[in-house]
């Protein structure tokens, strides 16, 4: 009996700590508002380019989540910023918005993620099940702004 406590006790503690480490990236209310957006907004969204900005703007590369297949929570977000030769990333320009309604979630990300000139890593993000669209924006020291929109589905 005592041996079982020694084995399962640390596992239970680990599971509790992992759950506590999760943080809310997108609230259920934001997801529901986004889901209720008019069909007109959705048709406009299809015409939005996934990557935009001047040709010499920084490139935003999405490594995670995988846009091609549904993922399970918690969500990991891994992004790389690639400035053009001779430029550097301006971290003060970093912005993140959620959905077609463009809810600003920059502060949530920056409070829980590691953001640097090379990119972003956010672990244990709590995201409701469903389809999500996130838009990232970063500028370089020459004020050229790169924008990248990506979609992912959470089971």
N, C-alpha and C. Protein backbone atom coordinates (compact mmCIF):
# COMPACT_ATOMS: atom_id res chain seq x y z
N UNK A 1 0.83 -1.20 0.00
CA UNK A 1 0.00 0.00 0.00
C UNK A 1 0.87 1.25 0.00
N UNK A 2 1.86 1.27 0.84
CA UNK A 2 2.75 2.41 0.89
C UNK A 2 3.52 2.57 -0.42
N UNK A 3 3.92 1.46 -1.04
CA UNK A 3 4.65 1.49 -2.30
C UNK A 3 3.77 2.11 -3.39
N UNK A 4 2.50 1.80 -3.42
CA UNK A 4 1.58 2.35 -4.41
C UNK A 4 1.50 3.87 -4.28
N UNK A 5 1.48 4.36 -3.06
CA UNK A 5 1.45 5.79 -2.84
C UNK A 5 2.71 6.44 -3.38
N UNK A 6 3.84 5.81 -3.20
CA UNK A 6 5.09 6.36 -3.70
C UNK A 6 5.12 6.40 -5.22
N UNK A 7 4.52 5.41 -5.86
CA UNK A 7 4.52 5.37 -7.32
C UNK A 7 3.47 6.31 -7.90
N UNK A 8 2.24 6.22 -7.42
CA UNK A 8 1.16 7.01 -8.01
C UNK A 8 1.12 8.44 -7.49
N UNK A 9 1.64 8.69 -6.31
CA UNK A 9 1.65 10.04 -5.75
C UNK A 9 2.35 11.03 -6.65
N UNK A 10 3.60 10.75 -7.08
CA UNK A 10 4.28 11.69 -7.98
C UNK A 10 3.58 11.84 -9.32
N UNK A 11 2.98 10.76 -9.83
CA UNK A 11 2.27 10.85 -11.11
C UNK A 11 1.06 11.77 -10.98
N UNK A 12 0.34 11.65 -9.88
CA UNK A 12 -0.82 12.51 -9.66
C UNK A 12 -0.39 13.96 -9.52
N UNK A 13 0.70 14.20 -8.82
CA UNK A 13 1.22 15.55 -8.65
C UNK A 13 1.63 16.13 -10.01
N UNK A 14 2.31 15.32 -10.83
CA UNK A 14 2.74 15.75 -12.16
C UNK A 14 1.52 16.12 -13.01
N UNK A 15 0.49 15.30 -12.99
CA UNK A 15 -0.72 15.56 -13.78
C UNK A 15 -1.38 16.85 -13.32
N UNK A 16 -1.40 17.09 -12.02
CA UNK A 16 -2.00 18.31 -11.49
C UNK A 16 -1.20 19.53 -11.92
N UNK A 17 0.11 19.46 -11.86
CA UNK A 17 0.97 20.57 -12.27
C UNK A 17 0.80 20.86 -13.75
N UNK A 18 0.72 19.81 -14.59
CA UNK A 18 0.55 20.01 -16.03
C UNK A 18 -0.77 20.70 -16.34
N UNK A 19 -1.84 20.28 -15.64
CA UNK A 19 -3.13 20.93 -15.87
C UNK A 19 -3.08 22.39 -15.43
N UNK A 20 -2.42 22.66 -14.32
CA UNK A 20 -2.35 24.01 -13.81
C UNK A 20 -1.53 24.91 -14.73
N UNK A 21 -0.60 24.34 -15.49
CA UNK A 21 0.26 25.14 -16.35
C UNK A 21 -0.47 25.63 -17.60
N UNK A 22 -1.62 25.03 -17.94
CA UNK A 22 -2.36 25.46 -19.13
C UNK A 22 -2.89 26.88 -18.91
N UNK A 23 -2.98 27.63 -19.98
CA UNK A 23 -3.47 29.00 -19.94
C UNK A 23 -4.42 29.21 -21.09
N UNK A 24 -5.33 30.14 -20.94
CA UNK A 24 -6.39 30.36 -21.94
C UNK A 24 -5.89 31.28 -23.04
N UNK A 25 -5.83 30.75 -24.24
CA UNK A 25 -5.48 31.56 -25.40
C UNK A 25 -6.73 32.17 -26.01
N UNK A 26 -7.77 31.36 -26.15
CA UNK A 26 -9.02 31.81 -26.74
C UNK A 26 -10.15 31.39 -25.81
N UNK A 27 -10.95 32.34 -25.38
CA UNK A 27 -12.05 32.00 -24.47
C UNK A 27 -13.21 31.39 -25.24
N UNK A 28 -14.06 30.71 -24.52
CA UNK A 28 -15.25 30.12 -25.14
C UNK A 28 -16.15 31.23 -25.70
N UNK A 29 -16.25 32.36 -25.01
CA UNK A 29 -17.07 33.47 -25.48
C UNK A 29 -16.53 34.03 -26.80
N UNK A 30 -15.21 34.16 -26.92
CA UNK A 30 -14.62 34.65 -28.16
C UNK A 30 -14.88 33.66 -29.30
N UNK A 31 -14.74 32.38 -29.00
CA UNK A 31 -14.98 31.35 -30.01
C UNK A 31 -16.44 31.40 -30.47
N UNK A 32 -17.37 31.52 -29.52
CA UNK A 32 -18.80 31.55 -29.87
C UNK A 32 -19.14 32.79 -30.69
N UNK A 33 -18.58 33.95 -30.32
CA UNK A 33 -18.82 35.17 -31.09
C UNK A 33 -18.30 35.01 -32.51
N UNK A 34 -17.12 34.44 -32.61
CA UNK A 34 -16.50 34.22 -33.93
C UNK A 34 -17.36 33.26 -34.76
N UNK A 35 -17.84 32.21 -34.13
CA UNK A 35 -18.66 31.21 -34.84
C UNK A 35 -19.98 31.80 -35.32
N UNK A 36 -20.46 32.83 -34.64
CA UNK A 36 -21.73 33.45 -35.01
C UNK A 36 -21.57 34.58 -36.03
N UNK A 37 -20.32 34.84 -36.46
CA UNK A 37 -20.08 35.92 -37.43
C UNK A 37 -20.88 35.64 -38.70
N UNK A 38 -21.40 36.68 -39.34
CA UNK A 38 -22.22 36.51 -40.54
C UNK A 38 -21.47 35.81 -41.67
N UNK A 39 -22.20 35.13 -42.52
CA UNK A 39 -21.62 34.43 -43.66
C UNK A 39 -20.88 35.38 -44.59
N UNK A 40 -21.32 36.63 -44.67
CA UNK A 40 -20.65 37.61 -45.52
C UNK A 40 -19.20 37.78 -45.08
N UNK A 41 -18.97 37.83 -43.78
CA UNK A 41 -17.63 37.99 -43.27
C UNK A 41 -16.78 36.79 -43.69
N UNK A 42 -17.36 35.59 -43.65
CA UNK A 42 -16.63 34.39 -44.04
C UNK A 42 -16.26 34.43 -45.52
N UNK A 43 -17.16 34.90 -46.36
CA UNK A 43 -16.83 34.96 -47.78
C UNK A 43 -15.71 35.98 -48.04
N UNK A 44 -15.70 37.07 -47.27
CA UNK A 44 -14.62 38.04 -47.40
C UNK A 44 -13.30 37.42 -46.93
N UNK A 45 -13.36 36.62 -45.90
CA UNK A 45 -12.15 36.00 -45.36
C UNK A 45 -11.48 35.08 -46.37
N UNK A 46 -12.28 34.42 -47.20
CA UNK A 46 -11.70 33.53 -48.20
C UNK A 46 -10.85 34.30 -49.20
N UNK A 47 -11.15 35.57 -49.36
CA UNK A 47 -10.40 36.36 -50.32
C UNK A 47 -9.13 36.97 -49.71
N UNK A 48 -8.99 36.90 -48.38
CA UNK A 48 -7.82 37.45 -47.72
C UNK A 48 -6.62 36.56 -48.00
N UNK A 49 -5.52 37.17 -48.38
CA UNK A 49 -4.31 36.39 -48.61
C UNK A 49 -3.77 35.90 -47.28
N UNK A 50 -3.24 34.69 -47.29
CA UNK A 50 -2.71 34.09 -46.06
C UNK A 50 -1.43 34.79 -45.62
N UNK A 51 -0.67 35.30 -46.55
CA UNK A 51 0.55 36.03 -46.24
C UNK A 51 0.48 37.34 -46.99
N UNK A 52 0.81 38.42 -46.30
CA UNK A 52 0.76 39.70 -46.99
C UNK A 52 1.85 40.61 -46.48
N UNK A 53 1.91 41.77 -47.10
CA UNK A 53 2.94 42.73 -46.77
C UNK A 53 3.82 42.93 -47.98
N UNK A 54 4.73 43.90 -47.92
CA UNK A 54 5.63 44.12 -49.05
C UNK A 54 6.53 42.91 -49.27
N UNK A 55 7.04 42.72 -50.48
CA UNK A 55 7.85 41.53 -50.76
C UNK A 55 9.11 41.43 -49.90
N UNK A 56 9.60 42.56 -49.39
CA UNK A 56 10.79 42.51 -48.55
C UNK A 56 10.46 42.54 -47.05
N UNK A 57 9.19 42.33 -46.70
CA UNK A 57 8.77 42.29 -45.30
C UNK A 57 9.24 40.98 -44.65
N UNK A 58 9.31 40.95 -43.33
CA UNK A 58 9.68 39.71 -42.66
C UNK A 58 8.69 38.59 -43.00
N UNK A 59 9.20 37.38 -43.07
CA UNK A 59 8.36 36.20 -43.33
C UNK A 59 8.04 35.56 -41.99
N UNK A 60 6.78 35.18 -41.81
CA UNK A 60 6.34 34.50 -40.60
C UNK A 60 6.06 33.06 -40.97
N UNK A 61 6.82 32.13 -40.42
CA UNK A 61 6.70 30.71 -40.72
C UNK A 61 6.02 29.99 -39.56
N UNK A 62 4.93 29.29 -39.85
CA UNK A 62 4.19 28.54 -38.83
C UNK A 62 4.71 27.11 -38.81
N UNK A 63 5.33 26.72 -37.71
CA UNK A 63 5.81 25.34 -37.55
C UNK A 63 4.80 24.47 -36.81
N UNK A 64 4.10 25.04 -35.85
CA UNK A 64 3.05 24.38 -35.09
C UNK A 64 2.01 25.43 -34.75
N UNK A 65 0.74 25.11 -34.77
CA UNK A 65 0.13 23.82 -35.04
C UNK A 65 0.12 23.49 -36.54
N UNK A 66 -0.05 22.22 -36.82
CA UNK A 66 -0.13 21.74 -38.19
C UNK A 66 -1.50 22.10 -38.74
N UNK A 67 -1.53 22.93 -39.77
CA UNK A 67 -2.79 23.37 -40.34
C UNK A 67 -3.52 22.28 -41.12
N UNK A 68 -2.81 21.20 -41.46
CA UNK A 68 -3.39 20.19 -42.33
C UNK A 68 -4.17 19.10 -41.59
N UNK A 69 -4.05 19.05 -40.26
CA UNK A 69 -4.79 18.02 -39.54
C UNK A 69 -5.24 18.53 -38.18
N UNK A 70 -6.34 17.99 -37.69
CA UNK A 70 -6.84 18.41 -36.37
C UNK A 70 -5.84 18.06 -35.27
N UNK A 71 -5.83 18.89 -34.23
CA UNK A 71 -4.91 18.67 -33.11
C UNK A 71 -5.69 18.56 -31.81
N UNK A 72 -5.04 17.98 -30.82
CA UNK A 72 -5.66 17.84 -29.50
C UNK A 72 -5.08 18.89 -28.56
N UNK A 73 -5.91 19.40 -27.64
CA UNK A 73 -5.39 20.35 -26.66
C UNK A 73 -4.57 19.64 -25.59
N UNK A 74 -3.71 20.34 -24.88
CA UNK A 74 -3.39 21.74 -25.05
C UNK A 74 -2.58 21.97 -26.32
N UNK A 75 -2.65 23.19 -26.83
CA UNK A 75 -2.04 23.54 -28.11
C UNK A 75 -0.64 24.12 -27.90
N UNK A 76 0.27 23.70 -28.77
CA UNK A 76 1.61 24.29 -28.82
C UNK A 76 1.69 25.14 -30.07
N UNK A 77 2.22 26.35 -29.92
CA UNK A 77 2.39 27.25 -31.06
C UNK A 77 3.88 27.52 -31.19
N UNK A 78 4.41 27.21 -32.37
CA UNK A 78 5.84 27.42 -32.65
C UNK A 78 5.93 28.17 -33.98
N UNK A 79 6.50 29.36 -33.94
CA UNK A 79 6.56 30.24 -35.10
C UNK A 79 7.97 30.79 -35.23
N UNK A 80 8.42 30.94 -36.47
CA UNK A 80 9.73 31.56 -36.73
C UNK A 80 9.54 32.83 -37.54
N UNK A 81 10.33 33.85 -37.20
CA UNK A 81 10.35 35.11 -37.94
C UNK A 81 11.63 35.13 -38.76
N UNK A 82 11.50 35.48 -40.03
CA UNK A 82 12.65 35.55 -40.93
C UNK A 82 12.71 36.94 -41.56
N UNK A 83 13.57 37.83 -41.00
CA UNK A 83 13.71 39.15 -41.63
C UNK A 83 14.51 39.01 -42.92
N UNK A 84 14.33 39.94 -43.81
CA UNK A 84 15.12 39.95 -45.04
C UNK A 84 16.54 40.38 -44.70
N UNK A 85 17.46 40.05 -45.57
CA UNK A 85 18.87 40.35 -45.33
C UNK A 85 19.08 41.84 -45.05
N UNK A 86 19.84 42.10 -44.00
CA UNK A 86 20.14 43.48 -43.62
C UNK A 86 19.14 44.09 -42.67
N UNK A 87 18.07 43.38 -42.35
CA UNK A 87 17.04 43.90 -41.44
C UNK A 87 17.02 43.07 -40.16
N UNK A 88 16.42 43.65 -39.13
CA UNK A 88 16.22 42.93 -37.87
C UNK A 88 14.75 43.04 -37.47
N UNK A 89 14.29 42.09 -36.68
CA UNK A 89 12.90 42.07 -36.22
C UNK A 89 12.71 43.10 -35.12
N UNK A 90 11.61 43.84 -35.20
CA UNK A 90 11.22 44.82 -34.17
C UNK A 90 10.14 44.17 -33.31
N UNK A 91 10.53 43.66 -32.15
CA UNK A 91 9.58 42.94 -31.29
C UNK A 91 8.44 43.83 -30.78
N UNK A 92 8.65 45.13 -30.71
CA UNK A 92 7.57 46.00 -30.24
C UNK A 92 6.40 46.05 -31.23
N UNK A 93 6.61 45.59 -32.45
CA UNK A 93 5.56 45.61 -33.46
C UNK A 93 4.71 44.33 -33.47
N UNK A 94 5.08 43.34 -32.66
CA UNK A 94 4.40 42.04 -32.68
C UNK A 94 2.95 42.18 -32.26
N UNK A 95 2.03 41.64 -33.07
CA UNK A 95 0.59 41.65 -32.78
C UNK A 95 -0.01 40.30 -33.18
N UNK A 96 -1.01 39.88 -32.41
CA UNK A 96 -1.75 38.65 -32.70
C UNK A 96 -3.23 38.95 -32.54
N UNK A 97 -4.02 38.59 -33.56
CA UNK A 97 -5.46 38.74 -33.45
C UNK A 97 -6.14 37.41 -33.73
N UNK A 98 -7.32 37.25 -33.14
CA UNK A 98 -8.08 36.02 -33.29
C UNK A 98 -9.30 36.25 -34.16
N UNK A 99 -9.44 35.42 -35.16
CA UNK A 99 -10.65 35.36 -35.96
C UNK A 99 -10.88 36.54 -36.88
N UNK A 100 -12.02 36.46 -37.53
CA UNK A 100 -12.42 37.50 -38.48
C UNK A 100 -12.79 38.79 -37.76
N UNK A 101 -13.13 38.67 -36.48
CA UNK A 101 -13.48 39.84 -35.69
C UNK A 101 -12.25 40.52 -35.12
N UNK A 102 -11.07 39.93 -35.34
CA UNK A 102 -9.77 40.50 -34.98
C UNK A 102 -9.67 40.87 -33.49
N UNK A 103 -10.01 39.94 -32.62
CA UNK A 103 -9.85 40.15 -31.18
C UNK A 103 -8.36 40.13 -30.87
N UNK A 104 -7.86 41.17 -30.24
CA UNK A 104 -6.43 41.27 -29.94
C UNK A 104 -6.07 40.33 -28.78
N UNK A 105 -5.25 39.32 -29.07
CA UNK A 105 -4.82 38.37 -28.04
C UNK A 105 -3.30 38.44 -27.83
N UNK A 106 -2.71 39.55 -28.25
CA UNK A 106 -1.26 39.71 -28.15
C UNK A 106 -0.78 39.56 -26.70
N UNK A 107 -1.42 40.24 -25.78
CA UNK A 107 -0.98 40.22 -24.39
C UNK A 107 -1.03 38.81 -23.81
N UNK A 108 -2.09 38.06 -24.12
CA UNK A 108 -2.19 36.67 -23.63
C UNK A 108 -1.00 35.84 -24.10
N UNK A 109 -0.65 36.02 -25.37
CA UNK A 109 0.47 35.25 -25.91
C UNK A 109 1.77 35.68 -25.25
N UNK A 110 2.02 36.97 -25.20
CA UNK A 110 3.31 37.44 -24.69
C UNK A 110 3.49 37.14 -23.20
N UNK A 111 2.40 37.02 -22.45
CA UNK A 111 2.49 36.68 -21.03
C UNK A 111 2.85 35.23 -20.79
N UNK A 112 2.56 34.35 -21.76
CA UNK A 112 2.74 32.91 -21.56
C UNK A 112 3.70 32.26 -22.53
N UNK A 113 4.23 33.03 -23.44
CA UNK A 113 5.10 32.46 -24.48
C UNK A 113 6.50 33.06 -24.38
N UNK A 114 7.42 32.39 -25.02
CA UNK A 114 8.76 32.95 -25.18
C UNK A 114 8.77 33.58 -26.57
N UNK A 115 8.91 34.91 -26.61
CA UNK A 115 8.93 35.64 -27.87
C UNK A 115 10.31 36.27 -28.01
N UNK A 116 10.93 36.04 -29.15
CA UNK A 116 12.25 36.62 -29.43
C UNK A 116 12.30 37.04 -30.89
N UNK A 117 13.41 37.63 -31.28
CA UNK A 117 13.57 38.07 -32.67
C UNK A 117 13.54 36.90 -33.64
N UNK A 118 13.81 35.69 -33.16
CA UNK A 118 13.78 34.53 -34.05
C UNK A 118 12.40 33.89 -34.13
N UNK A 119 11.51 34.19 -33.18
CA UNK A 119 10.18 33.60 -33.26
C UNK A 119 9.47 33.53 -31.93
N UNK A 120 8.55 32.58 -31.84
CA UNK A 120 7.68 32.46 -30.68
C UNK A 120 7.49 30.99 -30.35
N UNK A 121 7.45 30.67 -29.05
CA UNK A 121 7.11 29.34 -28.59
C UNK A 121 6.14 29.48 -27.44
N UNK A 122 4.95 28.92 -27.61
CA UNK A 122 3.92 28.93 -26.57
C UNK A 122 3.45 27.50 -26.35
N UNK A 123 3.56 27.02 -25.14
CA UNK A 123 3.12 25.67 -24.78
C UNK A 123 1.88 25.73 -23.91
N UNK A 124 1.09 24.66 -23.95
CA UNK A 124 -0.06 24.46 -23.05
C UNK A 124 -1.16 25.51 -23.20
N UNK A 125 -1.41 25.96 -24.41
CA UNK A 125 -2.48 26.93 -24.63
C UNK A 125 -3.83 26.21 -24.66
N UNK A 126 -4.76 26.69 -23.88
CA UNK A 126 -6.10 26.13 -23.82
C UNK A 126 -6.94 26.81 -24.90
N UNK A 127 -7.44 26.01 -25.83
CA UNK A 127 -8.23 26.51 -26.96
C UNK A 127 -9.46 25.63 -27.09
N UNK A 128 -10.66 26.22 -27.21
CA UNK A 128 -11.86 25.41 -27.34
C UNK A 128 -11.83 24.54 -28.61
N UNK A 129 -12.54 23.43 -28.58
CA UNK A 129 -12.65 22.58 -29.76
C UNK A 129 -13.35 23.37 -30.86
N UNK A 130 -12.85 23.20 -32.09
CA UNK A 130 -13.45 23.88 -33.22
C UNK A 130 -12.38 24.42 -34.16
N UNK A 131 -12.83 25.19 -35.14
CA UNK A 131 -11.95 25.76 -36.15
C UNK A 131 -11.55 27.17 -35.71
N UNK A 132 -10.25 27.49 -35.84
CA UNK A 132 -9.74 28.78 -35.37
C UNK A 132 -8.87 29.43 -36.45
N UNK A 133 -8.89 30.76 -36.47
CA UNK A 133 -8.05 31.53 -37.39
C UNK A 133 -7.30 32.58 -36.56
N UNK A 134 -5.99 32.60 -36.73
CA UNK A 134 -5.13 33.53 -36.00
C UNK A 134 -4.30 34.30 -37.01
N UNK A 135 -4.15 35.60 -36.79
CA UNK A 135 -3.34 36.44 -37.65
C UNK A 135 -2.19 37.02 -36.83
N UNK A 136 -0.98 36.86 -37.35
CA UNK A 136 0.23 37.38 -36.73
C UNK A 136 0.78 38.52 -37.56
N UNK A 137 1.40 39.46 -36.88
CA UNK A 137 2.00 40.60 -37.56
C UNK A 137 3.32 40.93 -36.88
N UNK A 138 4.36 41.15 -37.67
CA UNK A 138 5.67 41.55 -37.15
C UNK A 138 6.32 42.48 -38.17
N UNK A 139 7.02 43.48 -37.68
CA UNK A 139 7.72 44.42 -38.57
C UNK A 139 9.23 44.30 -38.34
N UNK A 140 9.96 44.84 -39.29
CA UNK A 140 11.41 44.88 -39.12
C UNK A 140 11.83 46.32 -38.78
N UNK A 141 13.11 46.52 -38.58
CA UNK A 141 13.61 47.85 -38.21
C UNK A 141 13.46 48.88 -39.33
N UNK A 142 13.07 48.42 -40.52
CA UNK A 142 12.82 49.34 -41.64
C UNK A 142 11.32 49.60 -41.82
N UNK A 143 10.53 49.17 -40.81
CA UNK A 143 9.08 49.39 -40.75
C UNK A 143 8.30 48.64 -41.83
N UNK A 144 8.86 47.57 -42.35
CA UNK A 144 8.14 46.72 -43.29
C UNK A 144 7.41 45.66 -42.47
N UNK A 145 6.12 45.52 -42.70
CA UNK A 145 5.28 44.66 -41.87
C UNK A 145 4.93 43.37 -42.61
N UNK A 146 5.24 42.25 -41.98
CA UNK A 146 4.83 40.95 -42.49
C UNK A 146 3.60 40.48 -41.74
N UNK A 147 2.66 39.91 -42.46
CA UNK A 147 1.41 39.43 -41.86
C UNK A 147 1.20 38.00 -42.31
N UNK A 148 0.78 37.14 -41.38
CA UNK A 148 0.51 35.73 -41.72
C UNK A 148 -0.74 35.30 -40.98
N UNK A 149 -1.71 34.79 -41.71
CA UNK A 149 -2.93 34.23 -41.14
C UNK A 149 -2.87 32.72 -41.27
N UNK A 150 -3.20 32.01 -40.19
CA UNK A 150 -3.24 30.55 -40.28
C UNK A 150 -4.48 30.04 -39.57
N UNK A 151 -4.94 28.90 -40.06
CA UNK A 151 -6.13 28.23 -39.53
C UNK A 151 -5.72 26.90 -38.93
N UNK A 152 -6.42 26.49 -37.88
CA UNK A 152 -6.20 25.17 -37.31
C UNK A 152 -7.48 24.71 -36.64
N UNK A 153 -7.59 23.40 -36.50
CA UNK A 153 -8.77 22.80 -35.89
C UNK A 153 -8.36 22.03 -34.65
N UNK A 154 -9.08 22.27 -33.56
CA UNK A 154 -8.84 21.57 -32.29
C UNK A 154 -9.98 20.58 -32.08
N UNK A 155 -9.60 19.36 -31.73
CA UNK A 155 -10.60 18.32 -31.46
C UNK A 155 -11.21 18.49 -30.08
